[in-house]
Protein backbone atom coordinates (compact mmCIF):
# COMPACT_ATOMS: atom_id res chain seq x y z
CA UNK A 1 282.33 -52.53 -68.67
CA UNK A 2 280.30 -49.44 -69.54
CA UNK A 3 278.09 -51.56 -71.81
CA UNK A 4 277.65 -54.18 -69.09
CA UNK A 5 276.76 -51.51 -66.54
CA UNK A 6 274.21 -49.90 -68.87
CA UNK A 7 272.60 -53.23 -69.58
CA UNK A 8 272.47 -54.11 -65.91
CA UNK A 9 270.91 -50.77 -65.02
CA UNK A 10 268.36 -50.84 -67.82
CA UNK A 11 264.86 -50.99 -66.46
CA UNK A 12 263.01 -54.25 -67.17
CA UNK A 13 260.05 -54.32 -69.53
CA UNK A 14 256.71 -53.57 -67.95
CA UNK A 15 253.78 -55.96 -68.21
CA UNK A 16 252.09 -53.67 -70.73
CA UNK A 17 255.21 -53.57 -72.93
CA UNK A 18 255.54 -57.35 -72.84
CA UNK A 19 251.89 -57.64 -73.86
CA UNK A 20 252.49 -55.37 -76.85
CA UNK A 21 255.31 -57.52 -78.23
CA UNK A 22 253.31 -60.64 -77.42
CA UNK A 23 250.28 -59.28 -79.30
CA UNK A 24 252.37 -58.35 -82.35
CA UNK A 25 253.72 -61.91 -82.53
CA UNK A 26 250.27 -63.46 -82.13
CA UNK A 27 248.66 -61.41 -84.91
CA UNK A 28 251.58 -61.51 -87.33
CA UNK A 29 252.71 -65.14 -87.00
CA UNK A 30 249.87 -67.41 -88.25
CA UNK A 31 250.11 -66.82 -92.04
CA UNK A 32 253.86 -66.21 -92.16
CA UNK A 33 255.45 -68.23 -89.35
CA UNK A 34 252.79 -70.90 -88.85
CA UNK A 35 253.14 -72.86 -85.63
CA UNK A 36 255.29 -70.15 -84.06
CA UNK A 37 252.03 -68.56 -82.95
CA UNK A 38 251.26 -71.69 -80.93
CA UNK A 39 254.62 -71.57 -79.16
CA UNK A 40 254.24 -67.86 -78.39
CA UNK A 41 250.64 -68.15 -77.20
CA UNK A 42 251.21 -71.17 -74.97
CA UNK A 43 254.45 -69.78 -73.60
CA UNK A 44 252.71 -66.56 -72.64
CA UNK A 45 249.72 -68.39 -71.17
CA UNK A 46 251.82 -70.74 -69.04
CA UNK A 47 253.95 -67.85 -67.80
CA UNK A 48 250.72 -66.04 -66.91
CA UNK A 49 249.69 -69.10 -64.90
CA UNK A 50 252.92 -68.81 -62.93
CA UNK A 51 252.20 -65.14 -62.27
CA UNK A 52 248.64 -65.95 -61.20
CA UNK A 53 249.76 -68.57 -58.71
CA UNK A 54 252.47 -66.25 -57.38
CA UNK A 55 249.96 -63.48 -56.80
CA UNK A 56 251.43 -61.08 -59.36
CA UNK A 57 248.38 -61.31 -61.62
CA UNK A 58 244.68 -61.72 -61.01
CA UNK A 59 241.88 -63.19 -63.07
CA UNK A 60 239.65 -60.72 -64.85
CA UNK A 61 236.27 -62.35 -64.29
CA UNK A 62 233.76 -60.18 -66.09
CA UNK A 63 230.47 -61.37 -67.54
CA UNK A 64 231.51 -61.81 -71.23
CA UNK A 65 234.67 -63.68 -70.23
CA UNK A 66 232.70 -65.90 -67.85
CA UNK A 67 230.13 -66.80 -70.51
CA UNK A 68 232.85 -67.72 -73.02
CA UNK A 69 234.76 -69.72 -70.42
CA UNK A 70 231.69 -71.74 -69.46
CA UNK A 71 231.00 -72.60 -73.12
CA UNK A 72 234.62 -73.57 -73.80
CA UNK A 73 234.97 -75.65 -70.64
CA UNK A 74 231.65 -77.38 -71.35
CA UNK A 75 233.00 -78.53 -74.73
CA UNK A 76 236.21 -79.82 -73.15
CA UNK A 77 234.19 -81.60 -70.45
CA UNK A 78 232.00 -83.23 -73.12
CA UNK A 79 235.10 -84.66 -74.82
CA UNK A 80 236.48 -86.04 -71.55
CA UNK A 81 233.07 -87.46 -70.61
CA UNK A 82 232.80 -89.23 -73.97
CA UNK A 83 236.14 -90.95 -73.46
CA UNK A 84 235.16 -91.89 -69.91
CA UNK A 85 231.87 -93.44 -71.02
CA UNK A 86 233.58 -95.37 -73.80
CA UNK A 87 236.34 -96.62 -71.50
CA UNK A 88 239.05 -95.00 -73.64
CA UNK A 89 240.18 -92.35 -71.17
CA UNK A 90 243.74 -93.66 -70.99
CA UNK A 91 244.03 -94.09 -74.77
CA UNK A 92 242.68 -90.58 -75.36
CA UNK A 93 245.06 -88.77 -73.01
CA UNK A 94 247.35 -87.61 -75.81
CA UNK A 95 244.34 -86.55 -77.86
CA UNK A 96 243.30 -84.22 -75.05
CA UNK A 97 246.36 -82.02 -75.62
CA UNK A 98 244.60 -79.71 -78.14
CA UNK A 99 242.02 -78.98 -75.45
CA UNK A 100 244.74 -77.28 -73.37
CA UNK A 101 244.75 -74.38 -75.84
CA UNK A 102 241.03 -73.85 -75.26
CA UNK A 103 241.33 -74.24 -71.50
CA UNK A 104 243.81 -71.35 -71.38
CA UNK A 105 241.15 -68.86 -72.49
CA UNK A 106 240.49 -67.22 -69.08
CA UNK A 107 244.22 -66.98 -68.33
CA UNK A 108 245.00 -65.32 -71.65
CA UNK A 109 241.99 -63.03 -71.33
CA UNK A 110 243.16 -61.83 -67.94
CA UNK A 111 246.67 -61.18 -69.22
CA UNK A 112 245.48 -59.28 -72.29
CA UNK A 113 243.18 -57.20 -70.08
CA UNK A 114 246.25 -55.34 -68.83
CA UNK A 115 246.81 -53.83 -72.29
CA UNK A 116 245.30 -50.52 -73.26
CA UNK A 117 242.43 -51.21 -75.64
CA UNK A 118 243.42 -48.60 -78.22
CA UNK A 119 246.96 -49.94 -78.37
CA UNK A 120 245.79 -53.55 -78.71
CA UNK A 121 243.37 -52.66 -81.51
CA UNK A 122 246.05 -50.84 -83.50
CA UNK A 123 248.48 -53.71 -82.99
CA UNK A 124 245.85 -56.16 -84.29
CA UNK A 125 245.27 -54.08 -87.42
CA UNK A 126 248.88 -53.22 -88.23
CA UNK A 127 250.35 -56.64 -87.42
CA UNK A 128 247.61 -58.22 -89.56
CA UNK A 129 248.50 -55.86 -92.40
CA UNK A 130 252.13 -56.96 -92.18
CA UNK A 131 250.96 -60.58 -92.10
CA UNK A 132 248.95 -60.06 -95.32
CA UNK A 133 252.02 -58.69 -97.11
CA UNK A 134 254.20 -61.53 -95.80
CA UNK A 135 251.58 -64.07 -96.84
CA UNK A 136 251.57 -62.72 -100.40
CA UNK A 137 255.37 -62.87 -100.61
CA UNK A 138 255.34 -66.51 -99.46
CA UNK A 139 252.51 -67.34 -101.85
CA UNK A 140 254.32 -65.87 -104.84
CA UNK A 141 257.54 -67.68 -103.99
CA UNK A 142 255.82 -71.02 -103.41
CA UNK A 143 253.58 -70.82 -106.49
CA UNK A 144 255.91 -69.34 -109.10
CA UNK A 145 259.33 -70.48 -107.90
CA UNK A 146 258.62 -73.80 -106.19
CA UNK A 147 255.72 -74.76 -108.47
CA UNK A 148 253.29 -75.58 -105.66
CA UNK A 149 249.76 -75.81 -107.12
CA UNK A 150 248.25 -74.77 -103.78
CA UNK A 151 250.42 -72.57 -101.61
CA UNK A 152 250.74 -73.33 -97.90
CA UNK A 153 252.48 -70.21 -96.61
CA UNK A 154 254.05 -70.65 -93.22
CA UNK A 155 251.17 -72.80 -92.00
CA UNK A 156 252.16 -75.90 -94.01
CA UNK A 157 248.54 -76.51 -95.07
CA UNK A 158 246.58 -74.65 -97.79
CA UNK A 159 243.30 -74.55 -95.87
CA UNK A 160 244.93 -73.40 -92.63
CA UNK A 161 246.99 -70.80 -94.52
CA UNK A 162 243.89 -69.51 -96.28
CA UNK A 163 241.94 -69.33 -93.02
CA UNK A 164 244.46 -67.30 -91.05
CA UNK A 165 245.28 -65.05 -94.03
CA UNK A 166 241.59 -64.39 -94.55
CA UNK A 167 241.31 -63.40 -90.89
CA UNK A 168 244.23 -60.98 -91.31
CA UNK A 169 242.47 -59.45 -94.31
CA UNK A 170 239.35 -58.88 -92.26
CA UNK A 171 241.33 -57.22 -89.46
CA UNK A 172 242.64 -54.69 -91.98
CA UNK A 173 239.19 -54.06 -93.43
CA UNK A 174 237.56 -53.78 -90.01
CA UNK A 175 240.26 -51.39 -88.83
CA UNK A 176 239.57 -49.04 -91.74
CA UNK A 177 235.78 -49.16 -91.70
CA UNK A 178 235.46 -48.90 -87.92
CA UNK A 179 237.39 -45.62 -87.93
CA UNK A 180 240.36 -46.85 -85.90
CA UNK A 181 242.93 -46.15 -88.59
CA UNK A 182 243.01 -43.07 -90.79
CA UNK A 183 245.71 -44.37 -93.14
CA UNK A 184 243.27 -46.40 -95.21
CA UNK A 185 245.41 -46.62 -98.36
CA UNK A 186 248.22 -48.85 -97.00
CA UNK A 187 245.72 -50.96 -95.08
CA UNK A 188 243.58 -51.42 -98.19
CA UNK A 189 246.68 -52.42 -100.15
CA UNK A 190 247.61 -54.92 -97.44
CA UNK A 191 244.09 -56.37 -97.43
CA UNK A 192 244.21 -56.80 -101.20
CA UNK A 193 247.59 -58.53 -100.85
CA UNK A 194 246.01 -60.92 -98.37
CA UNK A 195 243.13 -61.60 -100.75
CA UNK A 196 245.58 -62.52 -103.51
CA UNK A 197 247.43 -64.85 -101.14
CA UNK A 198 244.12 -66.46 -100.18
CA UNK A 199 243.33 -67.06 -103.85
CA UNK A 200 246.74 -68.65 -104.35
CA UNK A 201 245.86 -71.19 -101.64
CA UNK A 202 243.06 -72.62 -103.79
CA UNK A 203 240.77 -73.06 -100.76
CA UNK A 204 237.32 -72.61 -102.26
CA UNK A 205 235.30 -72.61 -99.02
CA UNK A 206 237.52 -69.90 -97.57
CA UNK A 207 236.87 -67.83 -100.70
CA UNK A 208 233.15 -68.10 -99.97
CA UNK A 209 233.67 -67.36 -96.28
CA UNK A 210 235.75 -64.31 -97.22
CA UNK A 211 232.94 -62.89 -99.35
CA UNK A 212 230.41 -63.44 -96.56
CA UNK A 213 232.73 -61.84 -94.01
CA UNK A 214 233.25 -58.79 -96.23
CA UNK A 215 229.49 -58.34 -96.52
CA UNK A 216 229.16 -58.69 -92.73
CA UNK A 217 231.80 -56.00 -92.11
CA UNK A 218 230.09 -53.65 -94.57
CA UNK A 219 226.73 -54.21 -92.88
CA UNK A 220 228.15 -53.69 -89.39
CA UNK A 221 229.79 -50.42 -90.48
CA UNK A 222 227.06 -49.34 -92.88
CA UNK A 223 226.78 -45.88 -91.31
CA UNK A 224 230.43 -45.12 -92.07
CA UNK A 225 230.23 -46.80 -95.49
CA UNK A 226 227.45 -44.43 -96.51
CA UNK A 227 229.54 -41.37 -95.65
CA UNK A 228 230.94 -39.33 -98.52
CA UNK A 229 234.55 -39.63 -97.33
CA UNK A 230 234.39 -43.42 -97.71
CA UNK A 231 233.35 -43.40 -101.36
CA UNK A 232 236.91 -43.13 -102.62
CA UNK A 233 237.92 -46.13 -100.51
CA UNK A 234 235.01 -48.22 -101.80
CA UNK A 235 235.64 -47.26 -105.42
CA UNK A 236 239.35 -48.07 -105.22
CA UNK A 237 238.74 -51.30 -103.30
CA UNK A 238 236.03 -52.41 -105.75
CA UNK A 239 238.12 -51.66 -108.81
CA UNK A 240 241.15 -53.39 -107.27
CA UNK A 241 239.06 -56.45 -106.44
CA UNK A 242 237.84 -56.70 -110.03
CA UNK A 243 241.41 -56.36 -111.27
CA UNK A 244 242.59 -59.08 -108.88
CA UNK A 245 239.76 -61.37 -110.01
CA UNK A 246 240.81 -60.85 -113.64
CA UNK A 247 244.50 -61.49 -112.94
CA UNK A 248 243.85 -64.51 -110.71
CA UNK A 249 241.11 -65.93 -112.92
CA UNK A 250 243.24 -68.89 -114.12
CA UNK A 251 243.51 -70.18 -110.54
CA UNK A 252 239.83 -69.49 -109.81
CA UNK A 253 238.68 -71.16 -113.02
CA UNK A 254 240.99 -74.13 -112.49
CA UNK A 255 239.76 -74.75 -108.93
CA UNK A 256 236.15 -74.43 -110.09
CA UNK A 257 236.79 -76.87 -112.92
CA UNK A 258 238.37 -79.35 -110.47
CA UNK A 259 235.26 -79.14 -108.28
CA UNK A 260 233.04 -79.81 -111.30
CA UNK A 261 235.17 -82.81 -112.36
CA UNK A 262 235.08 -84.22 -108.82
CA UNK A 263 231.32 -83.84 -108.65
CA UNK A 264 230.86 -85.44 -112.06
CA UNK A 265 233.12 -88.38 -111.13
CA UNK A 266 231.21 -88.90 -107.88
CA UNK A 267 227.75 -88.65 -109.44
CA UNK A 268 228.37 -90.76 -112.55
CA UNK A 269 231.08 -93.23 -111.50
CA UNK A 270 230.81 -93.31 -107.74
CA UNK A 271 234.45 -92.24 -107.48
CA UNK A 272 235.34 -91.56 -103.85
CA UNK A 273 239.06 -91.08 -104.46
CA UNK A 274 238.81 -87.40 -105.42
CA UNK A 275 238.96 -84.64 -102.75
CA UNK A 276 235.20 -84.15 -103.00
CA UNK A 277 234.58 -87.90 -103.01
CA UNK A 278 236.70 -88.37 -99.89
CA UNK A 279 234.72 -85.68 -98.09
CA UNK A 280 231.37 -87.15 -99.07
CA UNK A 281 232.57 -90.59 -98.04
CA UNK A 282 233.76 -89.25 -94.69
CA UNK A 283 230.41 -87.54 -94.12
CA UNK A 284 228.55 -90.81 -94.78
CA UNK A 285 230.86 -92.72 -92.45
CA UNK A 286 230.62 -90.03 -89.79
CA UNK A 287 226.82 -89.99 -89.86
CA UNK A 288 226.74 -93.79 -89.51
CA UNK A 289 229.13 -93.57 -86.57
CA UNK A 290 226.96 -90.90 -84.95
CA UNK A 291 223.86 -93.06 -85.26
CA UNK A 292 225.69 -95.85 -83.43
CA UNK A 293 226.50 -93.61 -80.43
CA UNK A 294 224.38 -90.46 -80.61
CA UNK A 295 224.64 -89.28 -77.01
CA UNK A 296 228.28 -89.61 -75.94
CA UNK A 297 230.01 -90.53 -79.20
CA UNK A 298 233.02 -92.83 -79.56
CA UNK A 299 235.82 -90.80 -77.96
CA UNK A 300 238.52 -88.61 -79.51
CA UNK A 301 240.83 -91.45 -80.54
CA UNK A 302 238.15 -93.29 -82.52
CA UNK A 303 238.02 -91.00 -85.57
CA UNK A 304 240.88 -92.55 -87.54
CA UNK A 305 239.81 -96.12 -86.74
CA UNK A 306 236.19 -95.46 -87.69
CA UNK A 307 237.08 -93.69 -90.93
CA UNK A 308 239.49 -96.44 -91.96
CA UNK A 309 236.95 -99.17 -91.21
CA UNK A 310 234.22 -97.25 -93.01
CA UNK A 311 236.22 -96.69 -96.19
CA UNK A 312 237.27 -100.33 -96.28
CA UNK A 313 233.75 -101.60 -95.66
CA UNK A 314 231.79 -99.25 -97.93
CA UNK A 315 234.24 -98.21 -100.64
CA UNK A 316 236.99 -100.83 -100.57
CA UNK A 317 239.67 -98.23 -99.87
CA UNK A 318 242.31 -97.94 -97.16
CA UNK A 319 241.85 -94.29 -96.27
CA UNK A 320 242.05 -93.02 -92.71
CA UNK A 321 241.57 -89.52 -91.26
CA UNK A 322 241.62 -88.13 -87.73
CA UNK A 323 238.65 -85.87 -88.52
CA UNK A 324 235.62 -85.98 -90.82
CA UNK A 325 236.18 -82.74 -92.78
CA UNK A 326 233.32 -81.12 -90.94
CA UNK A 327 233.95 -79.70 -87.51
CA UNK A 328 230.50 -80.34 -86.10
CA UNK A 329 230.31 -83.86 -87.54
CA UNK A 330 233.70 -84.62 -85.99
CA UNK A 331 232.35 -83.43 -82.63
CA UNK A 332 229.24 -85.60 -83.10
CA UNK A 333 231.37 -88.68 -83.72
CA UNK A 334 233.80 -88.00 -80.90
CA UNK A 335 231.45 -86.73 -78.18
CA UNK A 336 227.93 -87.15 -79.51
CA UNK A 337 225.26 -84.49 -79.24
CA UNK A 338 226.91 -83.09 -76.13
CA UNK A 339 230.10 -82.42 -78.06
CA UNK A 340 228.42 -80.81 -81.08
CA UNK A 341 226.08 -78.65 -79.02
CA UNK A 342 228.80 -77.38 -76.71
CA UNK A 343 231.06 -76.67 -79.71
CA UNK A 344 228.26 -74.69 -81.32
CA UNK A 345 227.71 -72.91 -78.00
CA UNK A 346 231.26 -71.48 -78.13
CA UNK A 347 230.48 -69.64 -81.35
CA UNK A 348 226.94 -68.79 -80.26
CA UNK A 349 228.15 -67.13 -77.06
CA UNK A 350 230.81 -65.24 -79.01
CA UNK A 351 228.20 -63.88 -81.44
CA UNK A 352 225.89 -63.07 -78.54
CA UNK A 353 228.61 -60.98 -76.89
CA UNK A 354 229.28 -59.19 -80.19
CA UNK A 355 225.65 -58.47 -81.09
CA UNK A 356 224.91 -57.08 -77.62
CA UNK A 357 227.65 -54.55 -78.19
CA UNK A 358 226.73 -53.70 -81.78
CA UNK A 359 223.10 -53.16 -80.82
CA UNK A 360 223.94 -50.09 -78.72
CA UNK A 361 226.12 -48.38 -81.38
CA UNK A 362 229.37 -48.30 -79.37
CA UNK A 363 232.57 -46.37 -79.96
CA UNK A 364 235.03 -47.48 -82.67
CA UNK A 365 237.09 -49.65 -80.31
CA UNK A 366 234.10 -51.67 -79.17
CA UNK A 367 232.74 -51.89 -82.71
CA UNK A 368 236.09 -53.16 -83.93
CA UNK A 369 236.22 -55.82 -81.21
CA UNK A 370 232.69 -56.97 -81.99
CA UNK A 371 233.49 -57.06 -85.71
CA UNK A 372 236.57 -59.16 -84.95
CA UNK A 373 234.36 -61.71 -83.20
CA UNK A 374 231.75 -61.81 -85.99
CA UNK A 375 234.24 -62.34 -88.84
CA UNK A 376 236.10 -64.96 -86.80
CA UNK A 377 232.91 -66.96 -86.35
CA UNK A 378 231.99 -66.62 -90.04
CA UNK A 379 235.38 -67.71 -91.35
CA UNK A 380 235.85 -70.56 -88.89
CA UNK A 381 232.40 -72.02 -89.45
CA UNK A 382 232.64 -71.48 -93.22
CA UNK A 383 235.95 -73.30 -93.42
CA UNK A 384 235.00 -75.84 -90.76
CA UNK A 385 232.01 -77.13 -92.73
CA UNK A 386 234.38 -78.89 -95.13
CA UNK A 387 237.55 -78.99 -93.04
CA UNK A 388 238.86 -78.63 -89.51
CA UNK A 389 237.05 -76.42 -87.03
CA UNK A 390 239.08 -77.14 -83.88
CA UNK A 391 241.86 -79.61 -83.19
CA UNK A 392 244.70 -78.01 -85.18
CA UNK A 393 247.42 -76.13 -83.31
CA UNK A 394 247.47 -73.03 -85.53
CA UNK A 395 243.69 -72.84 -85.90
CA UNK A 396 243.04 -73.37 -82.19
CA UNK A 397 245.62 -70.81 -81.16
CA UNK A 398 244.42 -68.21 -83.66
CA UNK A 399 240.84 -68.80 -82.57
CA UNK A 400 241.78 -68.13 -78.95
CA UNK A 401 243.80 -65.03 -79.89
CA UNK A 402 240.87 -63.53 -81.78
CA UNK A 403 238.15 -64.53 -79.29
CA UNK A 404 240.19 -63.29 -76.33
CA UNK A 405 241.18 -59.96 -77.89
CA UNK A 406 237.80 -59.46 -79.60
CA UNK A 407 235.82 -60.10 -76.42
CA UNK A 408 238.11 -57.83 -74.42
CA UNK A 409 237.93 -54.99 -76.93
CA UNK A 410 234.17 -55.31 -77.42
CA UNK A 411 232.92 -55.64 -73.88
CA UNK A 412 235.75 -56.40 -71.48
CA UNK A 413 237.16 -54.32 -68.64
CA UNK A 414 240.78 -53.24 -68.29
CA UNK A 415 242.58 -54.25 -65.12
CA UNK A 416 245.92 -53.38 -63.57
CA UNK A 417 248.56 -56.03 -62.86
CA UNK A 418 249.19 -56.90 -59.24
CA UNK A 419 252.83 -56.61 -58.27
CA UNK A 420 254.45 -57.79 -55.11
CA UNK A 421 255.66 -54.82 -53.14
CA UNK A 422 259.38 -54.48 -52.59
CA UNK A 423 260.49 -54.63 -48.97
CA UNK A 424 261.02 -51.07 -47.77
CA UNK A 425 264.17 -51.89 -45.86
CA UNK A 426 266.02 -53.05 -49.00
CA UNK A 427 267.07 -50.43 -51.58
CA UNK A 428 266.63 -51.20 -55.27
CA UNK A 429 269.55 -52.31 -57.41
CA UNK A 430 269.65 -48.90 -59.08
CA UNK A 431 269.69 -47.09 -55.69
CA UNK A 432 272.45 -49.36 -54.36
CA UNK A 433 274.53 -48.58 -57.44
CA UNK A 434 274.00 -44.84 -56.99
CA UNK A 435 275.01 -45.07 -53.33
CA UNK A 436 278.18 -46.95 -54.27
CA UNK A 437 277.22 -50.00 -52.24
CA UNK A 438 277.80 -52.35 -55.18
């Protein structure tokens, strides 16, 4: 009875506390728990919708959020318009479900705006560090114990696993170089663990995107990098990177050799059955489909049908994909120029928000948020040129998590939650218990 009474009298979690646990789950889950991040994000967003309609929350409509929302909603509208023009609106209804994740951007932004910026930034860095360590553990188990040639982590897909792990690595690196975290040694170790896990995935384009993102972070934080107290970090990180490259060289060499063999088979034999050949074939089919409907595209449901018809007609194969292994080409096929331009506008607006902040040399919190946006754009576009850009539950959710939190940290305003006032003529449950009325 004492336990029951203590539990009943325990004060409920505040909105800020709920946001902290929610943020930890969103930043930790993608590499380790995979689609759990989608369940957490959508659950939180839909609950926020309930609070908005009940008057217990309010939208945080600031200029950066409004610009991002317009770009995201324009892309979603282009997809719906394409299906309407092609008369496939009813057939495409189920294909519109991934757009819901994007449409929840303003709701999630408003909910995250309740959180203290310093707390959110530290959660992003530390939860990402834990995710890097968890990703390495999964990679080692899957590669050495289960014999998987390309590890998938908790994401169930090597490319998706590499993408979200790479993003976690960059959060650690940005947290150290921006000056948010003083404990650079454990964060550097976690980042190196994430790099090893990314190498285990065998995703070559993510390797390239990772290198570009590292250079971008160093350039953004060049003033701190040039300081004498950062030399030890750079020396240790550089030496560790060389050691990792030497240890992981069999995987790197093997994946490079596979790429060379695929290219040789495509160039000399016209073999479109290899991973590279399939991508090149899909790009040819996608460009032909775009030329047939350049303005509004063919609708979201047409990708698999078009790719299957194209492979059968041009290459005599029965392959079928729901995307064209290039995010912008997929948008061109599905929604024409309107789809590709509005998709590009999402990333352009994000970079615009970040560069406006970086240009005025802001404090570490704002610099970290802007860096988060920049590396997200680099890694997503780098991986999306040969894979999926949007349309995957884990990738879409992680993109929203990073764009929402990055935009808020870089240039957003903090708001207070609106709570319904308690009627003054009714005492609280705790007061009634103290008065002995219960």
